Amino acid sequence: MTDLQNENDKMRCLHLVMLLLPKGNRDTIEVLFVFLKWVASFSHVDEETGNRMDLHNLATVISPNIFRNTPTKGNDSVRVEHFEGIRVMNTLLEHQDEFFMVPDDFASLLRDKDYFANCIDMPSRDFLKKCEMYYRSK
């Protein structure tokens, strides 16, 4: 993520990574993220009925469990990776509504029902190869 300078490129990369997850993982993450966003919606209600878990606080708590960093003694890169993980998780939670949608430029691919029949449970790697062959043939 740090090599991408443009914010739109970073968002596009995260979007595509989410779509490349295996279907079961993607479905589980989608349900989890919808739930976390719902929990965060109560963070600003009021002192009595609300909570303090806004999206940033949830990202702080969840990111070490999703993005595992291997600590090395005396290395500050783990700390940087930790904060980068929180930032990425916060972005994923904020934009989860759009990250589970097929991008418009990919929708035309999926309209070719004959070519992409029976691809719903195909592993991401095989689906990417099939897409690449489709683009080469067109």
Protein backbone atom coordinates (compact mmCIF):
# COMPACT_ATOMS: atom_id res chain seq x y z
CA MET A 1 0.00 0.00 0.00
CA THR A 2 2.83 2.44 0.67
CA ASP A 3 4.19 2.16 -2.90
CA LEU A 4 0.96 3.55 -4.31
CA GLN A 5 1.04 7.32 -4.12
CA ASN A 6 -2.40 8.18 -5.49
CA GLU A 7 -5.28 7.70 -3.03
CA ASN A 8 -7.54 6.44 -5.83
CA ASP A 9 -4.96 3.78 -6.73
CA LYS A 10 -4.80 2.67 -3.09
CA MET A 11 -8.59 2.37 -2.94
CA ARG A 12 -8.67 0.46 -6.25
CA CYS A 13 -5.99 -1.93 -4.99
CA LEU A 14 -7.87 -2.62 -1.75
CA HIS A 15 -11.08 -3.13 -3.70
CA LEU A 16 -9.49 -5.66 -6.04
CA VAL A 17 -7.76 -7.49 -3.18
CA MET A 18 -11.09 -7.87 -1.40
CA LEU A 19 -12.68 -9.25 -4.57
CA LEU A 20 -9.86 -11.76 -5.05
CA LEU A 21 -10.43 -13.42 -1.69
CA PRO A 22 -11.99 -16.89 -1.83
CA LYS A 23 -15.77 -16.68 -1.79
CA GLY A 24 -16.17 -18.08 1.73
CA ASN A 25 -13.61 -15.64 3.17
CA ARG A 26 -15.12 -12.73 1.26
CA ASP A 27 -18.63 -13.55 2.48
CA THR A 28 -17.42 -13.89 6.09
CA ILE A 29 -15.54 -10.59 5.97
CA GLU A 30 -18.52 -8.84 4.42
CA VAL A 31 -20.82 -9.98 7.24
CA LEU A 32 -18.20 -9.07 9.87
CA PHE A 33 -17.63 -5.61 8.39
CA VAL A 34 -21.38 -4.90 8.12
CA PHE A 35 -21.71 -5.86 11.79
CA LEU A 36 -18.76 -3.68 12.84
CA LYS A 37 -20.12 -0.71 10.91
CA TRP A 38 -23.46 -1.23 12.66
CA VAL A 39 -21.71 -1.31 16.07
CA ALA A 40 -19.88 1.92 15.17
CA SER A 41 -23.19 3.57 14.29
CA PHE A 42 -23.99 3.69 18.02
CA SER A 43 -20.75 5.43 18.97
CA HIS A 44 -22.19 8.94 18.82
CA VAL A 45 -25.68 8.39 20.19
CA ASP A 46 -25.19 9.77 23.71
CA GLU A 47 -23.35 8.98 26.95
CA GLU A 48 -26.08 6.76 28.34
CA THR A 49 -26.98 4.57 25.36
CA GLY A 50 -24.00 4.93 23.02
CA ASN A 51 -20.57 3.35 23.00
CA ARG A 52 -17.06 4.61 22.30
CA MET A 53 -16.30 2.17 19.53
CA ASP A 54 -16.28 4.31 16.40
CA LEU A 55 -14.75 2.93 13.18
CA HIS A 56 -11.22 4.03 14.09
CA ASN A 57 -11.38 2.39 17.53
CA LEU A 58 -12.79 -0.80 16.01
CA ALA A 59 -10.02 -0.79 13.39
CA THR A 60 -7.45 -0.40 16.17
CA VAL A 61 -8.82 -3.42 18.03
CA ILE A 62 -9.48 -5.63 14.98
CA SER A 63 -6.41 -4.97 12.79
CA PRO A 64 -3.86 -6.94 14.90
CA ASN A 65 -6.15 -9.97 14.61
CA ILE A 66 -6.55 -9.66 10.84
CA PHE A 67 -3.06 -8.41 9.90
CA ARG A 68 -0.54 -10.44 11.86
CA ASN A 69 2.83 -8.80 12.27
CA THR A 70 5.82 -10.87 13.30
CA PRO A 71 7.68 -8.86 15.94
CA THR A 72 11.42 -8.61 15.67
CA LYS A 73 13.53 -7.32 18.50
CA GLY A 74 14.58 -3.67 18.16
CA ASN A 75 12.81 -3.14 14.85
CA ASP A 76 10.55 -0.10 14.45
CA SER A 77 9.06 -1.47 11.22
CA VAL A 78 6.62 -3.58 13.26
CA ARG A 79 5.28 -0.41 14.87
CA VAL A 80 4.93 1.26 11.46
CA GLU A 81 3.19 -1.86 10.10
CA HIS A 82 0.84 -1.82 13.09
CA PHE A 83 -0.25 1.76 12.41
CA GLU A 84 -0.44 1.07 8.67
CA GLY A 85 -2.66 -1.95 9.43
CA ILE A 86 -4.99 0.25 11.49
CA ARG A 87 -5.19 2.74 8.63
CA VAL A 88 -5.96 0.00 6.10
CA MET A 89 -8.56 -1.61 8.38
CA ASN A 90 -10.19 1.78 8.95
CA THR A 91 -10.39 2.29 5.17
CA LEU A 92 -11.86 -1.18 4.69
CA LEU A 93 -14.51 -0.53 7.33
CA GLU A 94 -15.38 2.94 6.03
CA HIS A 95 -15.76 1.82 2.42
CA GLN A 96 -17.01 -1.72 2.92
CA ASP A 97 -20.23 -0.95 1.05
CA GLU A 98 -18.36 -0.40 -2.21
CA PHE A 99 -15.55 -2.94 -1.69
CA PHE A 100 -17.94 -5.88 -2.07
CA MET A 101 -19.43 -4.61 -5.31
CA VAL A 102 -18.09 -5.57 -8.74
CA PRO A 103 -16.37 -2.55 -10.34
CA ASP A 104 -18.12 -1.11 -13.39
CA ASP A 105 -15.20 -1.93 -15.68
CA PHE A 106 -15.46 -5.62 -14.68
CA ALA A 107 -19.23 -5.80 -15.08
CA SER A 108 -18.90 -6.07 -18.86
CA LEU A 109 -16.80 -9.21 -18.36
CA LEU A 110 -19.49 -10.85 -16.30
CA ARG A 111 -22.17 -10.12 -18.89
CA ASP A 112 -20.66 -12.76 -21.17
CA LYS A 113 -22.64 -15.53 -19.50
CA ASP A 114 -21.51 -18.29 -21.85
CA TYR A 115 -17.82 -17.71 -21.24
CA PHE A 116 -18.10 -17.21 -17.47
CA ALA A 117 -20.70 -19.88 -16.73
CA ASN A 118 -19.95 -21.96 -13.63
CA CYS A 119 -17.29 -19.54 -12.30
CA ILE A 120 -18.97 -18.70 -9.00
CA ASP A 121 -16.91 -21.15 -6.93
CA MET A 122 -13.76 -20.96 -9.03
CA PRO A 123 -10.56 -20.11 -7.11
CA SER A 124 -9.36 -16.52 -7.63
CA ARG A 125 -6.21 -17.61 -9.44
CA ASP A 126 -8.17 -19.64 -12.00
CA PHE A 127 -10.73 -16.86 -12.44
CA LEU A 128 -7.93 -14.35 -13.14
CA LYS A 129 -6.48 -16.68 -15.78
CA LYS A 130 -9.91 -17.02 -17.36
CA CYS A 131 -10.31 -13.21 -17.41
CA GLU A 132 -6.88 -12.80 -18.96
CA MET A 133 -7.73 -15.29 -21.71
CA TYR A 134 -11.03 -13.47 -22.28
CA TYR A 135 -9.24 -10.12 -22.76
CA ARG A 136 -6.71 -11.68 -25.13
CA SER A 137 -9.47 -13.17 -27.27
CA LYS A 138 -11.29 -9.83 -27.61
